[in-house]
Amino acid sequence: MQPGDARARVVAGLAAVDRVVLFDEDTPLSLIESLAPDVLVKGGDYTRETIVGADFVESRGGAVYAIPLLPGQSTTAIVERLRVTS
């Protein structure tokens, strides 16, 4: 629904976010290894085992989090609400 640059601007506006980087590769592993972040965050639809780069971040003493998804806030839910009201 939203292009990557629009989503990146929203996330970059959060006080806790230091940097937002868009990437074209299949996975962000090379980017994660290059940036070497202290914290890696993914949505709650991921598990620790499925978060690409988690091992790398944790091996350097960093933290990896899967944060809960907010009910009704997925792109799929938003599109469905638009479809119903149109």
C-alpha atoms as a PDB file:
ATOM      1  CA  MET A   1       0.000   0.000   0.000  1.00  0.00           C
ATOM      2  CA  GLN A   2       2.795   2.398   0.883  1.00  0.00           C
ATOM      3  CA  PRO A   3       6.058   2.633  -1.019  1.00  0.00           C
ATOM      4  CA  GLY A   4       9.227   1.821   0.893  1.00  0.00           C
ATOM      5  CA  ASP A   5      10.403   5.421   1.103  1.00  0.00           C
ATOM      6  CA  ALA A   6       7.107   6.512   2.696  1.00  0.00           C
ATOM      7  CA  ARG A   7       7.299   3.715   5.275  1.00  0.00           C
ATOM      8  CA  ALA A   8      10.951   4.560   5.936  1.00  0.00           C
ATOM      9  CA  ARG A   9      10.100   8.213   6.634  1.00  0.00           C
ATOM     10  CA  VAL A  10       7.481   7.206   9.193  1.00  0.00           C
ATOM     11  CA  VAL A  11       9.831   4.806  10.998  1.00  0.00           C
ATOM     12  CA  ALA A  12      12.738   7.278  10.827  1.00  0.00           C
ATOM     13  CA  GLY A  13      10.543   9.823  12.610  1.00  0.00           C
ATOM     14  CA  LEU A  14      10.483   7.682  15.755  1.00  0.00           C
ATOM     15  CA  ALA A  15      12.790   9.016  18.465  1.00  0.00           C
ATOM     16  CA  ALA A  16      14.180   5.554  19.245  1.00  0.00           C
ATOM     17  CA  VAL A  17      15.253   4.914  15.634  1.00  0.00           C
ATOM     18  CA  ASP A  18      18.806   5.851  14.627  1.00  0.00           C
ATOM     19  CA  ARG A  19      18.685   4.755  10.995  1.00  0.00           C
ATOM     20  CA  VAL A  20      16.337   3.260   8.414  1.00  0.00           C
ATOM     21  CA  VAL A  21      17.839   1.600   5.361  1.00  0.00           C
ATOM     22  CA  LEU A  22      15.942   0.153   2.393  1.00  0.00           C
ATOM     23  CA  PHE A  23      17.555  -2.788   0.614  1.00  0.00           C
ATOM     24  CA  ASP A  24      17.008  -4.807  -2.572  1.00  0.00           C
ATOM     25  CA  GLU A  25      18.566  -8.136  -1.584  1.00  0.00           C
ATOM     26  CA  ASP A  26      16.497 -11.212  -0.707  1.00  0.00           C
ATOM     27  CA  THR A  27      17.576 -10.914   2.939  1.00  0.00           C
ATOM     28  CA  PRO A  28      19.130  -8.076   4.942  1.00  0.00           C
ATOM     29  CA  LEU A  29      22.029 -10.197   6.224  1.00  0.00           C
ATOM     30  CA  SER A  30      24.848  -8.340   4.421  1.00  0.00           C
ATOM     31  CA  LEU A  31      23.328  -5.010   5.462  1.00  0.00           C
ATOM     32  CA  ILE A  32      23.048  -6.138   9.092  1.00  0.00           C
ATOM     33  CA  GLU A  33      26.647  -7.331   9.064  1.00  0.00           C
ATOM     34  CA  SER A  34      27.762  -4.027   7.539  1.00  0.00           C
ATOM     35  CA  LEU A  35      25.838  -1.818   9.979  1.00  0.00           C
ATOM     36  CA  ALA A  36      26.442  -4.072  13.010  1.00  0.00           C
ATOM     37  CA  PRO A  37      23.403  -2.780  14.943  1.00  0.00           C
ATOM     38  CA  ASP A  38      23.073  -3.047  18.703  1.00  0.00           C
ATOM     39  CA  VAL A  39      19.353  -3.794  18.372  1.00  0.00           C
ATOM     40  CA  LEU A  40      17.467  -5.686  15.675  1.00  0.00           C
ATOM     41  CA  VAL A  41      13.653  -5.515  15.689  1.00  0.00           C
ATOM     42  CA  LYS A  42      11.159  -7.473  13.603  1.00  0.00           C
ATOM     43  CA  GLY A  43       7.392  -7.862  13.731  1.00  0.00           C
ATOM     44  CA  GLY A  44       5.769 -10.503  15.888  1.00  0.00           C
ATOM     45  CA  ASP A  45       5.021 -12.664  12.871  1.00  0.00           C
ATOM     46  CA  TYR A  46       8.717 -13.643  13.078  1.00  0.00           C
ATOM     47  CA  THR A  47      10.267 -15.914  15.686  1.00  0.00           C
ATOM     48  CA  ARG A  48      13.807 -15.592  17.015  1.00  0.00           C
ATOM     49  CA  GLU A  49      14.762 -18.543  14.824  1.00  0.00           C
ATOM     50  CA  THR A  50      13.460 -16.898  11.647  1.00  0.00           C
ATOM     51  CA  ILE A  51      14.987 -13.437  12.132  1.00  0.00           C
ATOM     52  CA  VAL A  52      17.806 -13.083   9.623  1.00  0.00           C
ATOM     53  CA  GLY A  53      20.926 -11.682  11.289  1.00  0.00           C
ATOM     54  CA  ALA A  54      19.838 -12.492  14.837  1.00  0.00           C
ATOM     55  CA  ASP A  55      22.851 -14.725  15.456  1.00  0.00           C
ATOM     56  CA  PHE A  56      25.227 -12.017  14.223  1.00  0.00           C
ATOM     57  CA  VAL A  57      23.676  -9.256  16.352  1.00  0.00           C
ATOM     58  CA  GLU A  58      23.607 -11.405  19.486  1.00  0.00           C
ATOM     59  CA  SER A  59      27.179 -12.635  18.916  1.00  0.00           C
ATOM     60  CA  ARG A  60      28.300  -9.011  19.271  1.00  0.00           C
ATOM     61  CA  GLY A  61      26.304  -8.508  22.484  1.00  0.00           C
ATOM     62  CA  GLY A  62      23.293  -6.945  20.769  1.00  0.00           C
ATOM     63  CA  ALA A  63      19.626  -7.655  21.367  1.00  0.00           C
ATOM     64  CA  VAL A  64      17.000  -9.087  19.025  1.00  0.00           C
ATOM     65  CA  TYR A  65      13.290  -8.425  19.511  1.00  0.00           C
ATOM     66  CA  ALA A  66      10.120  -9.623  17.821  1.00  0.00           C
ATOM     67  CA  ILE A  67       7.486  -7.063  18.787  1.00  0.00           C
ATOM     68  CA  PRO A  68       3.773  -7.891  18.895  1.00  0.00           C
ATOM     69  CA  LEU A  69       1.651  -6.976  15.920  1.00  0.00           C
ATOM     70  CA  LEU A  70      -1.239  -4.617  16.602  1.00  0.00           C
ATOM     71  CA  PRO A  71      -4.634  -6.175  15.801  1.00  0.00           C
ATOM     72  CA  GLY A  72      -6.263  -4.566  12.772  1.00  0.00           C
ATOM     73  CA  GLN A  73      -3.121  -2.646  11.780  1.00  0.00           C
ATOM     74  CA  SER A  74      -1.794  -4.963   9.095  1.00  0.00           C
ATOM     75  CA  THR A  75      -1.865  -3.861   5.472  1.00  0.00           C
ATOM     76  CA  THR A  76      -4.274  -6.731   4.800  1.00  0.00           C
ATOM     77  CA  ALA A  77      -6.682  -5.469   7.488  1.00  0.00           C
ATOM     78  CA  ILE A  78      -6.482  -1.880   6.221  1.00  0.00           C
ATOM     79  CA  VAL A  79      -7.200  -2.958   2.628  1.00  0.00           C
ATOM     80  CA  GLU A  80     -10.145  -5.043   3.810  1.00  0.00           C
ATOM     81  CA  ARG A  81     -11.613  -2.074   5.724  1.00  0.00           C
ATOM     82  CA  LEU A  82     -11.237   0.095   2.606  1.00  0.00           C
ATOM     83  CA  ARG A  83     -12.894  -2.560   0.475  1.00  0.00           C
ATOM     84  CA  VAL A  84     -15.861  -2.833   2.849  1.00  0.00           C
ATOM     85  CA  THR A  85     -16.389   0.953   3.079  1.00  0.00           C
ATOM     86  CA  SER A  86     -16.023   1.603  -0.663  1.00  0.00           C
END
